[in-house]
């Protein structure tokens, strides 16, 4: 419980290639953007969600907070990937306190790790639709070793990991604050990062299906690098649309489109699994993440899934001072800020 001072936290989306920082203040019933920034991470600082060079990550975070003169030391971060397990389970109806006692026994059959290795959490979603004496529960487990590494880096940077969320749930939090879809419609939130693509399908504000795909914008960069025998930095520039003399433009286009098609096919498989297993139609897709910005990706995905697609605007319902924030800069950061906004909307004790 928070009795004195602000309950705001700073959203810190720590990705493979960059860190996105978002600070939001709640004033009465409105959200106001206070700070937003991004810092690139040196290559291989984080690999597959694992911190390889903690000192580089720590210094990048310190610089971000110093550059934006941020005083709040309470930070919300999120994680995803192999060390995180999310399961929607069904249990007998019981109180939250009763479930707290029984959750380790429930978790044993769903978690492929020793329970001593993980932190467990849960959220009661409500009564089961088809069983009167059952209820749906979202069960989450995250490996302690991974959590401890991130918490330690933040502590070394003089910060406190007040909230540790999951990427897909941060996406859902952002969406709930900015959009009001029609009742009983399934909406797909897809965030394509550098190395991981997060999928969260929500209905009436509740996650129905989540999945992490271990592909993203880095796959495009690596394929350009390999096929054209060039360095990582050059390949990254070409992926982002820059021109480099001596590069075969038609060949580059072919490499990019082939790789985007592979990523889109993986997303298509996940969405088809959801619709075939739940018999529920998917009505709309909201895209975010740097990987989604690669030229041609939206069109490639649209051909495969035949569902309306648009880019998420994480600032749609968030007020900001146009004299303080450069509108072009906000527009540029918008596709990258979905998870960070979702984290910044959290508060201490919620």
Foldseek 3Di string as FASTA:
>chain_A
DDDDDFQFAWFWEDDQFKIWIWAWDQDPNAIATDDIDMDTQPHPCADQLAGDPLVSVLVRVLCVCVVSVPDAQEYAYEGDGDQKDKDKDKDFDDDPVVCVVCVVVVCVVPDPDPPVQWDKDKDWPACDPPDRGMTIMIIMIGGPVSVVSVQVSSVVSVHGNLHYHHLLVLLLLLCVLFDDDDAQAWEWEWAAEQFKIWIFIDHPSDTPDIDIDGHHNVQLLVQCCVVVVDDSVVSVCVQVPDDDPPDDVVVSVVSNLVSLLVVLVVVLVRVVVVCVVVVHDHAEYEYAYPRCPGPPNVVSNCVRNVHHYDYDQSCNRHDYDCVVDPPVVSVVCRRVCSSSSSRSPDTRPD
